[in-house]
Amino acid sequence: MQLPGLIELRKTIGREKVVMLAISYITTRPPNTTDRVKSVVERQKINYIAFSVDINGMPEPYNRISGIPCSFFIDLQGKIKLAALGVLSLNDSRAILQAK
């Protein structure tokens, strides 16, 4: 549900202003593999970086996600500005990025 908004966000905000990463955890139930993630990227025409990883390979706090989707907004100093659980609209994402 959030993919169209993220794709549009990438189209409207330059790469020099925001970096976008999609991280998908490899799981067995439901099956989520690197090949499945690649298929979704191609089918949805995702225009930002997406990859899959074992949850044990992620550092805190990213290995403690309790729901999907989960979004992290990180400032230029590498500090988490906001973490949001659930679907964010395109307008909400833009507002968060513009907030000081």
PDB file of N, CA and C in Angstrom:
ATOM      1  N   MET A   1       0.816  -1.200   0.000  1.00  0.00           N
ATOM      2  CA  MET A   1       0.000   0.000   0.000  1.00  0.00           C
ATOM      3  C   MET A   1       0.858   1.263   0.000  1.00  0.00           C
ATOM      4  N   GLN A   2       2.024   1.204   0.589  1.00  0.00           N
ATOM      5  CA  GLN A   2       2.862   2.386   0.704  1.00  0.00           C
ATOM      6  C   GLN A   2       3.761   2.590  -0.520  1.00  0.00           C
ATOM      7  N   LEU A   3       3.958   1.547  -1.319  1.00  0.00           N
ATOM      8  CA  LEU A   3       4.891   1.622  -2.449  1.00  0.00           C
ATOM      9  C   LEU A   3       4.601   2.761  -3.427  1.00  0.00           C
ATOM     10  N   PRO A   4       3.365   2.970  -3.873  1.00  0.00           N
ATOM     11  CA  PRO A   4       3.137   4.064  -4.834  1.00  0.00           C
ATOM     12  C   PRO A   4       3.583   5.425  -4.296  1.00  0.00           C
ATOM     13  N   GLY A   5       3.330   5.689  -3.022  1.00  0.00           N
ATOM     14  CA  GLY A   5       3.748   6.952  -2.424  1.00  0.00           C
ATOM     15  C   GLY A   5       5.261   7.087  -2.350  1.00  0.00           C
ATOM     16  N   LEU A   6       5.938   5.999  -2.032  1.00  0.00           N
ATOM     17  CA  LEU A   6       7.400   6.038  -1.968  1.00  0.00           C
ATOM     18  C   LEU A   6       8.009   6.225  -3.355  1.00  0.00           C
ATOM     19  N   ILE A   7       7.433   5.575  -4.352  1.00  0.00           N
ATOM     20  CA  ILE A   7       7.907   5.734  -5.726  1.00  0.00           C
ATOM     21  C   ILE A   7       7.727   7.181  -6.175  1.00  0.00           C
ATOM     22  N   GLU A   8       6.575   7.758  -5.857  1.00  0.00           N
ATOM     23  CA  GLU A   8       6.325   9.163  -6.211  1.00  0.00           C
ATOM     24  C   GLU A   8       7.260  10.093  -5.440  1.00  0.00           C
ATOM     25  N   LEU A   9       7.501   9.806  -4.175  1.00  0.00           N
ATOM     26  CA  LEU A   9       8.420  10.612  -3.371  1.00  0.00           C
ATOM     27  C   LEU A   9       9.807  10.629  -4.009  1.00  0.00           C
ATOM     28  N   ARG A  10      10.277   9.477  -4.450  1.00  0.00           N
ATOM     29  CA  ARG A  10      11.588   9.389  -5.092  1.00  0.00           C
ATOM     30  C   ARG A  10      11.621  10.207  -6.386  1.00  0.00           C
ATOM     31  N   LYS A  11      10.499  10.241  -7.112  1.00  0.00           N
ATOM     32  CA  LYS A  11      10.424  11.009  -8.361  1.00  0.00           C
ATOM     33  C   LYS A  11      10.462  12.510  -8.106  1.00  0.00           C
ATOM     34  N   THR A  12       9.919  12.943  -6.975  1.00  0.00           N
ATOM     35  CA  THR A  12       9.755  14.379  -6.734  1.00  0.00           C
ATOM     36  C   THR A  12      10.820  15.011  -5.844  1.00  0.00           C
ATOM     37  N   ILE A  13      11.560  14.199  -5.111  1.00  0.00           N
ATOM     38  CA  ILE A  13      12.620  14.739  -4.255  1.00  0.00           C
ATOM     39  C   ILE A  13      13.944  14.170  -4.754  1.00  0.00           C
ATOM     40  N   GLY A  14      14.859  15.059  -5.094  1.00  0.00           N
ATOM     41  CA  GLY A  14      16.134  14.652  -5.686  1.00  0.00           C
ATOM     42  C   GLY A  14      16.974  13.763  -4.800  1.00  0.00           C
ATOM     43  N   ARG A  15      17.791  12.961  -5.445  1.00  0.00           N
ATOM     44  CA  ARG A  15      18.679  12.029  -4.736  1.00  0.00           C
ATOM     45  C   ARG A  15      19.681  12.760  -3.850  1.00  0.00           C
ATOM     46  N   GLU A  16      19.964  14.008  -4.158  1.00  0.00           N
ATOM     47  CA  GLU A  16      20.901  14.777  -3.337  1.00  0.00           C
ATOM     48  C   GLU A  16      20.249  15.275  -2.051  1.00  0.00           C
ATOM     49  N   LYS A  17      18.912  15.167  -1.963  1.00  0.00           N
ATOM     50  CA  LYS A  17      18.206  15.658  -0.778  1.00  0.00           C
ATOM     51  C   LYS A  17      17.725  14.559   0.158  1.00  0.00           C
ATOM     52  N   VAL A  18      17.531  13.354  -0.379  1.00  0.00           N
ATOM     53  CA  VAL A  18      17.056  12.257   0.467  1.00  0.00           C
ATOM     54  C   VAL A  18      17.537  10.920  -0.104  1.00  0.00           C
ATOM     55  N   VAL A  19      17.960  10.061   0.791  1.00  0.00           N
ATOM     56  CA  VAL A  19      18.345   8.696   0.428  1.00  0.00           C
ATOM     57  C   VAL A  19      17.222   7.779   0.904  1.00  0.00           C
ATOM     58  N   MET A  20      16.795   6.899   0.031  1.00  0.00           N
ATOM     59  CA  MET A  20      15.717   5.980   0.386  1.00  0.00           C
ATOM     60  C   MET A  20      16.222   4.546   0.275  1.00  0.00           C
ATOM     61  N   LEU A  21      15.965   3.772   1.308  1.00  0.00           N
ATOM     62  CA  LEU A  21      16.334   2.356   1.333  1.00  0.00           C
ATOM     63  C   LEU A  21      15.119   1.544   1.764  1.00  0.00           C
ATOM     64  N   ALA A  22      14.876   0.453   1.085  1.00  0.00           N
ATOM     65  CA  ALA A  22      13.839  -0.487   1.504  1.00  0.00           C
ATOM     66  C   ALA A  22      14.549  -1.758   1.960  1.00  0.00           C
ATOM     67  N   ILE A  23      14.280  -2.153   3.186  1.00  0.00           N
ATOM     68  CA  ILE A  23      14.897  -3.358   3.737  1.00  0.00           C
ATOM     69  C   ILE A  23      13.785  -4.369   3.984  1.00  0.00           C
ATOM     70  N   SER A  24      13.930  -5.533   3.405  1.00  0.00           N
ATOM     71  CA  SER A  24      12.955  -6.603   3.576  1.00  0.00           C
ATOM     72  C   SER A  24      13.649  -7.765   4.272  1.00  0.00           C
ATOM     73  N   TYR A  25      13.060  -8.215   5.367  1.00  0.00           N
ATOM     74  CA  TYR A  25      13.657  -9.322   6.098  1.00  0.00           C
ATOM     75  C   TYR A  25      13.345 -10.654   5.437  1.00  0.00           C
ATOM     76  N   ILE A  26      14.348 -11.508   5.362  1.00  0.00           N
ATOM     77  CA  ILE A  26      14.166 -12.857   4.848  1.00  0.00           C
ATOM     78  C   ILE A  26      13.414 -13.651   5.914  1.00  0.00           C
ATOM     79  N   THR A  27      12.299 -14.262   5.508  1.00  0.00           N
ATOM     80  CA  THR A  27      11.468 -15.018   6.447  1.00  0.00           C
ATOM     81  C   THR A  27      11.033 -16.330   5.809  1.00  0.00           C
ATOM     82  N   THR A  28      10.581 -17.242   6.656  1.00  0.00           N
ATOM     83  CA  THR A  28      10.059 -18.510   6.139  1.00  0.00           C
ATOM     84  C   THR A  28       8.534 -18.512   6.122  1.00  0.00           C
ATOM     85  N   ARG A  29       7.906 -17.780   7.036  1.00  0.00           N
ATOM     86  CA  ARG A  29       6.441 -17.712   7.093  1.00  0.00           C
ATOM     87  C   ARG A  29       6.015 -16.280   7.280  1.00  0.00           C
ATOM     88  N   PRO A  30       5.416 -15.612   6.298  1.00  0.00           N
ATOM     89  CA  PRO A  30       5.280 -16.116   4.935  1.00  0.00           C
ATOM     90  C   PRO A  30       6.642 -16.128   4.250  1.00  0.00           C
ATOM     91  N   PRO A  31       6.784 -16.970   3.223  1.00  0.00           N
ATOM     92  CA  PRO A  31       8.089 -17.033   2.562  1.00  0.00           C
ATOM     93  C   PRO A  31       8.469 -15.694   1.934  1.00  0.00           C
ATOM     94  N   ASN A  32       9.595 -15.178   2.347  1.00  0.00           N
ATOM     95  CA  ASN A  32      10.114 -13.932   1.799  1.00  0.00           C
ATOM     96  C   ASN A  32      11.601 -14.152   1.548  1.00  0.00           C
ATOM     97  N   THR A  33      11.965 -14.190   0.302  1.00  0.00           N
ATOM     98  CA  THR A  33      13.335 -14.479  -0.088  1.00  0.00           C
ATOM     99  C   THR A  33      13.894 -13.315  -0.897  1.00  0.00           C
ATOM    100  N   THR A  34      15.178 -13.346  -1.137  1.00  0.00           N
ATOM    101  CA  THR A  34      15.812 -12.332  -1.978  1.00  0.00           C
ATOM    102  C   THR A  34      15.184 -12.337  -3.371  1.00  0.00           C
ATOM    103  N   ASP A  35      14.897 -13.510  -3.907  1.00  0.00           N
ATOM    104  CA  ASP A  35      14.263 -13.586  -5.229  1.00  0.00           C
ATOM    105  C   ASP A  35      12.875 -12.957  -5.228  1.00  0.00           C
ATOM    106  N   ARG A  36      12.134 -13.158  -4.152  1.00  0.00           N
ATOM    107  CA  ARG A  36      10.793 -12.556  -4.059  1.00  0.00           C
ATOM    108  C   ARG A  36      10.898 -11.028  -3.988  1.00  0.00           C
ATOM    109  N   VAL A  37      11.849 -10.526  -3.224  1.00  0.00           N
ATOM    110  CA  VAL A  37      12.049  -9.077  -3.130  1.00  0.00           C
ATOM    111  C   VAL A  37      12.427  -8.524  -4.502  1.00  0.00           C
ATOM    112  N   LYS A  38      13.327  -9.192  -5.189  1.00  0.00           N
ATOM    113  CA  LYS A  38      13.729  -8.759  -6.528  1.00  0.00           C
ATOM    114  C   LYS A  38      12.530  -8.720  -7.467  1.00  0.00           C
ATOM    115  N   SER A  39      11.670  -9.716  -7.381  1.00  0.00           N
ATOM    116  CA  SER A  39      10.470  -9.777  -8.211  1.00  0.00           C
ATOM    117  C   SER A  39       9.545  -8.591  -7.944  1.00  0.00           C
ATOM    118  N   VAL A  40       9.349  -8.259  -6.679  1.00  0.00           N
ATOM    119  CA  VAL A  40       8.499  -7.115  -6.319  1.00  0.00           C
ATOM    120  C   VAL A  40       9.118  -5.816  -6.831  1.00  0.00           C
ATOM    121  N   VAL A  41      10.419  -5.653  -6.674  1.00  0.00           N
ATOM    122  CA  VAL A  41      11.112  -4.451  -7.154  1.00  0.00           C
ATOM    123  C   VAL A  41      10.882  -4.286  -8.650  1.00  0.00           C
ATOM    124  N   GLU A  42      11.037  -5.355  -9.395  1.00  0.00           N
ATOM    125  CA  GLU A  42      10.867  -5.284 -10.848  1.00  0.00           C
ATOM    126  C   GLU A  42       9.412  -5.051 -11.228  1.00  0.00           C
ATOM    127  N   ARG A  43       8.489  -5.767 -10.610  1.00  0.00           N
ATOM    128  CA  ARG A  43       7.067  -5.659 -10.940  1.00  0.00           C
ATOM    129  C   ARG A  43       6.509  -4.279 -10.592  1.00  0.00           C
ATOM    130  N   GLN A  44       6.895  -3.748  -9.439  1.00  0.00           N
ATOM    131  CA  GLN A  44       6.381  -2.453  -8.987  1.00  0.00           C
ATOM    132  C   GLN A  44       7.183  -1.269  -9.538  1.00  0.00           C
ATOM    133  N   LYS A  45       8.307  -1.586 -10.224  1.00  0.00           N
ATOM    134  CA  LYS A  45       9.191  -0.542 -10.766  1.00  0.00           C
ATOM    135  C   LYS A  45       9.686   0.399  -9.660  1.00  0.00           C
ATOM    136  N   ILE A  46      10.162  -0.214  -8.585  1.00  0.00           N
ATOM    137  CA  ILE A  46      10.684   0.558  -7.453  1.00  0.00           C
ATOM    138  C   ILE A  46      11.938   1.299  -7.905  1.00  0.00           C
ATOM    139  N   ASN A  47      11.973   2.592  -7.648  1.00  0.00           N
ATOM    140  CA  ASN A  47      13.035   3.473  -8.140  1.00  0.00           C
ATOM    141  C   ASN A  47      13.986   3.933  -7.041  1.00  0.00           C
ATOM    142  N   TYR A  48      14.131   3.134  -6.014  1.00  0.00           N
ATOM    143  CA  TYR A  48      15.080   3.409  -4.938  1.00  0.00           C
ATOM    144  C   TYR A  48      15.703   2.084  -4.523  1.00  0.00           C
ATOM    145  N   ILE A  49      16.706   2.141  -3.677  1.00  0.00           N
ATOM    146  CA  ILE A  49      17.450   0.947  -3.285  1.00  0.00           C
ATOM    147  C   ILE A  49      16.578   0.033  -2.422  1.00  0.00           C
ATOM    148  N   ALA A  50      16.549  -1.249  -2.786  1.00  0.00           N
ATOM    149  CA  ALA A  50      15.812  -2.246  -2.007  1.00  0.00           C
ATOM    150  C   ALA A  50      16.683  -3.489  -1.896  1.00  0.00           C
ATOM    151  N   PHE A  51      16.685  -4.086  -0.713  1.00  0.00           N
ATOM    152  CA  PHE A  51      17.455  -5.313  -0.528  1.00  0.00           C
ATOM    153  C   PHE A  51      16.843  -6.151   0.579  1.00  0.00           C
ATOM    154  N   SER A  52      17.253  -7.404   0.623  1.00  0.00           N
ATOM    155  CA  SER A  52      16.769  -8.304   1.671  1.00  0.00           C
ATOM    156  C   SER A  52      17.942  -8.691   2.562  1.00  0.00           C
ATOM    157  N   VAL A  53      17.611  -8.982   3.804  1.00  0.00           N
ATOM    158  CA  VAL A  53      18.642  -9.301   4.786  1.00  0.00           C
ATOM    159  C   VAL A  53      18.030 -10.160   5.893  1.00  0.00           C
ATOM    160  N   ASP A  54      18.844 -10.971   6.498  1.00  0.00           N
ATOM    161  CA  ASP A  54      18.417 -11.716   7.680  1.00  0.00           C
ATOM    162  C   ASP A  54      18.304 -10.720   8.832  1.00  0.00           C
ATOM    163  N   ILE A  55      17.241 -10.800   9.593  1.00  0.00           N
ATOM    164  CA  ILE A  55      17.021  -9.846  10.691  1.00  0.00           C
ATOM    165  C   ILE A  55      18.182  -9.848  11.678  1.00  0.00           C
ATOM    166  N   ASN A  56      18.854 -10.987  11.832  1.00  0.00           N
ATOM    167  CA  ASN A  56      19.983 -11.067  12.759  1.00  0.00           C
ATOM    168  C   ASN A  56      21.193 -10.284  12.258  1.00  0.00           C
ATOM    169  N   GLY A  57      21.163  -9.886  10.986  1.00  0.00           N
ATOM    170  CA  GLY A  57      22.262  -9.114  10.428  1.00  0.00           C
ATOM    171  C   GLY A  57      22.086  -7.617  10.589  1.00  0.00           C
ATOM    172  N   MET A  58      20.999  -7.210  11.200  1.00  0.00           N
ATOM    173  CA  MET A  58      20.720  -5.781  11.366  1.00  0.00           C
ATOM    174  C   MET A  58      21.070  -5.317  12.779  1.00  0.00           C
ATOM    175  N   PRO A  59      21.595  -4.095  12.899  1.00  0.00           N
ATOM    176  CA  PRO A  59      21.913  -3.559  14.229  1.00  0.00           C
ATOM    177  C   PRO A  59      20.667  -3.016  14.917  1.00  0.00           C
ATOM    178  N   GLU A  60      20.783  -2.778  16.221  1.00  0.00           N
ATOM    179  CA  GLU A  60      19.719  -2.108  16.986  1.00  0.00           C
ATOM    180  C   GLU A  60      19.526  -0.714  16.406  1.00  0.00           C
ATOM    181  N   PRO A  61      18.367  -0.153  16.359  1.00  0.00           N
ATOM    182  CA  PRO A  61      17.072  -0.697  16.729  1.00  0.00           C
ATOM    183  C   PRO A  61      16.359  -1.376  15.564  1.00  0.00           C
ATOM    184  N   TYR A  62      17.021  -1.493  14.427  1.00  0.00           N
ATOM    185  CA  TYR A  62      16.374  -1.998  13.224  1.00  0.00           C
ATOM    186  C   TYR A  62      16.047  -3.485  13.297  1.00  0.00           C
ATOM    187  N   ASN A  63      16.612  -4.194  14.233  1.00  0.00           N
ATOM    188  CA  ASN A  63      16.318  -5.616  14.389  1.00  0.00           C
ATOM    189  C   ASN A  63      15.170  -5.857  15.372  1.00  0.00           C
ATOM    190  N   ARG A  64      14.552  -4.782  15.834  1.00  0.00           N
ATOM    191  CA  ARG A  64      13.447  -4.909  16.796  1.00  0.00           C
ATOM    192  C   ARG A  64      12.116  -4.431  16.220  1.00  0.00           C
ATOM    193  N   ILE A  65      11.969  -4.460  14.929  1.00  0.00           N
ATOM    194  CA  ILE A  65      10.747  -3.985  14.277  1.00  0.00           C
ATOM    195  C   ILE A  65       9.586  -4.895  14.662  1.00  0.00           C
ATOM    196  N   SER A  66       8.479  -4.302  15.073  1.00  0.00           N
ATOM    197  CA  SER A  66       7.345  -5.106  15.528  1.00  0.00           C
ATOM    198  C   SER A  66       6.199  -5.153  14.527  1.00  0.00           C
ATOM    199  N   GLY A  67       6.321  -4.460  13.413  1.00  0.00           N
ATOM    200  CA  GLY A  67       5.263  -4.460  12.414  1.00  0.00           C
ATOM    201  C   GLY A  67       5.769  -3.958  11.080  1.00  0.00           C
ATOM    202  N   ILE A  68       4.996  -4.231  10.057  1.00  0.00           N
ATOM    203  CA  ILE A  68       5.364  -3.857   8.701  1.00  0.00           C
ATOM    204  C   ILE A  68       4.198  -3.075   8.105  1.00  0.00           C
ATOM    205  N   PRO A  69       4.417  -1.988   7.414  1.00  0.00           N
ATOM    206  CA  PRO A  69       5.709  -1.364   7.191  1.00  0.00           C
ATOM    207  C   PRO A  69       6.148  -0.527   8.389  1.00  0.00           C
ATOM    208  N   CYS A  70       7.416  -0.284   8.431  1.00  0.00           N
ATOM    209  CA  CYS A  70       8.017   0.566   9.450  1.00  0.00           C
ATOM    210  C   CYS A  70       8.973   1.511   8.733  1.00  0.00           C
ATOM    211  N   SER A  71       8.890   2.786   9.047  1.00  0.00           N
ATOM    212  CA  SER A  71       9.728   3.781   8.370  1.00  0.00           C
ATOM    213  C   SER A  71      10.600   4.498   9.380  1.00  0.00           C
ATOM    214  N   PHE A  72      11.849   4.715   9.002  1.00  0.00           N
ATOM    215  CA  PHE A  72      12.782   5.483   9.820  1.00  0.00           C
ATOM    216  C   PHE A  72      13.201   6.705   9.023  1.00  0.00           C
ATOM    217  N   PHE A  73      13.133   7.845   9.640  1.00  0.00           N
ATOM    218  CA  PHE A  73      13.622   9.085   9.041  1.00  0.00           C
ATOM    219  C   PHE A  73      14.863   9.471   9.833  1.00  0.00           C
ATOM    220  N   ILE A  74      15.986   9.507   9.152  1.00  0.00           N
ATOM    221  CA  ILE A  74      17.282   9.691   9.794  1.00  0.00           C
ATOM    222  C   ILE A  74      17.901  10.987   9.296  1.00  0.00           C
ATOM    223  N   ASP A  75      18.388  11.819  10.228  1.00  0.00           N
ATOM    224  CA  ASP A  75      18.953  13.114   9.827  1.00  0.00           C
ATOM    225  C   ASP A  75      20.380  12.965   9.296  1.00  0.00           C
ATOM    226  N   LEU A  76      20.954  14.067   8.891  1.00  0.00           N
ATOM    227  CA  LEU A  76      22.293  14.050   8.289  1.00  0.00           C
ATOM    228  C   LEU A  76      23.381  13.620   9.266  1.00  0.00           C
ATOM    229  N   GLN A  77      23.108  13.704  10.558  1.00  0.00           N
ATOM    230  CA  GLN A  77      24.077  13.272  11.571  1.00  0.00           C
ATOM    231  C   GLN A  77      23.915  11.788  11.898  1.00  0.00           C
ATOM    232  N   GLY A  78      22.956  11.122  11.255  1.00  0.00           N
ATOM    233  CA  GLY A  78      22.736   9.701  11.475  1.00  0.00           C
ATOM    234  C   GLY A  78      21.831   9.385  12.649  1.00  0.00           C
ATOM    235  N   LYS A  79      21.158  10.388  13.198  1.00  0.00           N
ATOM    236  CA  LYS A  79      20.244  10.171  14.319  1.00  0.00           C
ATOM    237  C   LYS A  79      18.830   9.980  13.794  1.00  0.00           C
ATOM    238  N   ILE A  80      18.102   9.050  14.423  1.00  0.00           N
ATOM    239  CA  ILE A  80      16.724   8.801  14.023  1.00  0.00           C
ATOM    240  C   ILE A  80      15.884  10.016  14.404  1.00  0.00           C
ATOM    241  N   LYS A  81      15.319  10.653  13.411  1.00  0.00           N
ATOM    242  CA  LYS A  81      14.452  11.816  13.585  1.00  0.00           C
ATOM    243  C   LYS A  81      13.048  11.351  13.978  1.00  0.00           C
ATOM    244  N   LEU A  82      12.596  10.256  13.330  1.00  0.00           N
ATOM    245  CA  LEU A  82      11.268   9.721  13.610  1.00  0.00           C
ATOM    246  C   LEU A  82      11.212   8.278  13.133  1.00  0.00           C
ATOM    247  N   ALA A  83      10.556   7.445  13.899  1.00  0.00           N
ATOM    248  CA  ALA A  83      10.250   6.076  13.473  1.00  0.00           C
ATOM    249  C   ALA A  83       8.734   5.961  13.466  1.00  0.00           C
ATOM    250  N   ALA A  84       8.194   5.419  12.387  1.00  0.00           N
ATOM    251  CA  ALA A  84       6.746   5.322  12.252  1.00  0.00           C
ATOM    252  C   ALA A  84       6.365   3.899  11.869  1.00  0.00           C
ATOM    253  N   LEU A  85       5.388   3.358  12.564  1.00  0.00           N
ATOM    254  CA  LEU A  85       4.880   2.027  12.281  1.00  0.00           C
ATOM    255  C   LEU A  85       3.565   2.169  11.529  1.00  0.00           C
ATOM    256  N   GLY A  86       3.445   1.480  10.419  1.00  0.00           N
ATOM    257  CA  GLY A  86       2.230   1.548   9.609  1.00  0.00           C
ATOM    258  C   GLY A  86       2.459   2.348   8.339  1.00  0.00           C
ATOM    259  N   VAL A  87       1.436   2.357   7.505  1.00  0.00           N
ATOM    260  CA  VAL A  87       1.520   3.017   6.207  1.00  0.00           C
ATOM    261  C   VAL A  87       1.497   4.531   6.376  1.00  0.00           C
ATOM    262  N   LEU A  88       2.442   5.198   5.728  1.00  0.00           N
ATOM    263  CA  LEU A  88       2.477   6.657   5.688  1.00  0.00           C
ATOM    264  C   LEU A  88       2.039   7.112   4.304  1.00  0.00           C
ATOM    265  N   SER A  89       1.234   8.153   4.262  1.00  0.00           N
ATOM    266  CA  SER A  89       0.834   8.703   2.966  1.00  0.00           C
ATOM    267  C   SER A  89       1.996   9.502   2.380  1.00  0.00           C
ATOM    268  N   LEU A  90       1.901   9.792   1.101  1.00  0.00           N
ATOM    269  CA  LEU A  90       2.900  10.622   0.442  1.00  0.00           C
ATOM    270  C   LEU A  90       2.992  11.983   1.130  1.00  0.00           C
ATOM    271  N   ASN A  91       1.844  12.567   1.463  1.00  0.00           N
ATOM    272  CA  ASN A  91       1.846  13.872   2.125  1.00  0.00           C
ATOM    273  C   ASN A  91       2.484  13.815   3.511  1.00  0.00           C
ATOM    274  N   ASP A  92       2.220  12.745   4.246  1.00  0.00           N
ATOM    275  CA  ASP A  92       2.829  12.596   5.569  1.00  0.00           C
ATOM    276  C   ASP A  92       4.353  12.480   5.447  1.00  0.00           C
ATOM    277  N   SER A  93       4.810  11.678   4.491  1.00  0.00           N
ATOM    278  CA  SER A  93       6.251  11.512   4.284  1.00  0.00           C
ATOM    279  C   SER A  93       6.912  12.839   3.924  1.00  0.00           C
ATOM    280  N   ARG A  94       6.281  13.585   3.047  1.00  0.00           N
ATOM    281  CA  ARG A  94       6.827  14.906   2.673  1.00  0.00           C
ATOM    282  C   ARG A  94       6.884  15.830   3.882  1.00  0.00           C
ATOM    283  N   ALA A  95       5.825  15.853   4.684  1.00  0.00           N
ATOM    284  CA  ALA A  95       5.787  16.722   5.863  1.00  0.00           C
ATOM    285  C   ALA A  95       6.880  16.348   6.858  1.00  0.00           C
ATOM    286  N   ILE A  96       7.094  15.060   7.060  1.00  0.00           N
ATOM    287  CA  ILE A  96       8.138  14.609   7.981  1.00  0.00           C
ATOM    288  C   ILE A  96       9.509  15.050   7.476  1.00  0.00           C
ATOM    289  N   LEU A  97       9.752  14.893   6.178  1.00  0.00           N
ATOM    290  CA  LEU A  97      11.030  15.285   5.608  1.00  0.00           C
ATOM    291  C   LEU A  97      11.274  16.789   5.732  1.00  0.00           C
ATOM    292  N   GLN A  98      10.228  17.581   5.651  1.00  0.00           N
ATOM    293  CA  GLN A  98      10.360  19.031   5.713  1.00  0.00           C
ATOM    294  C   GLN A  98      10.422  19.566   7.140  1.00  0.00           C
ATOM    295  N   ALA A  99       9.975  18.770   8.111  1.00  0.00           N
ATOM    296  CA  ALA A  99       9.953  19.217   9.511  1.00  0.00           C
ATOM    297  C   ALA A  99      11.367  19.387  10.038  1.00  0.00           C
ATOM    298  N   LYS A 100      11.546  20.351  10.890  1.00  0.00           N
ATOM    299  CA  LYS A 100      12.862  20.613  11.512  1.00  0.00           C
ATOM    300  C   LYS A 100      13.030  19.827  12.772  1.00  0.00           C
TER     301      LYS A 100
END
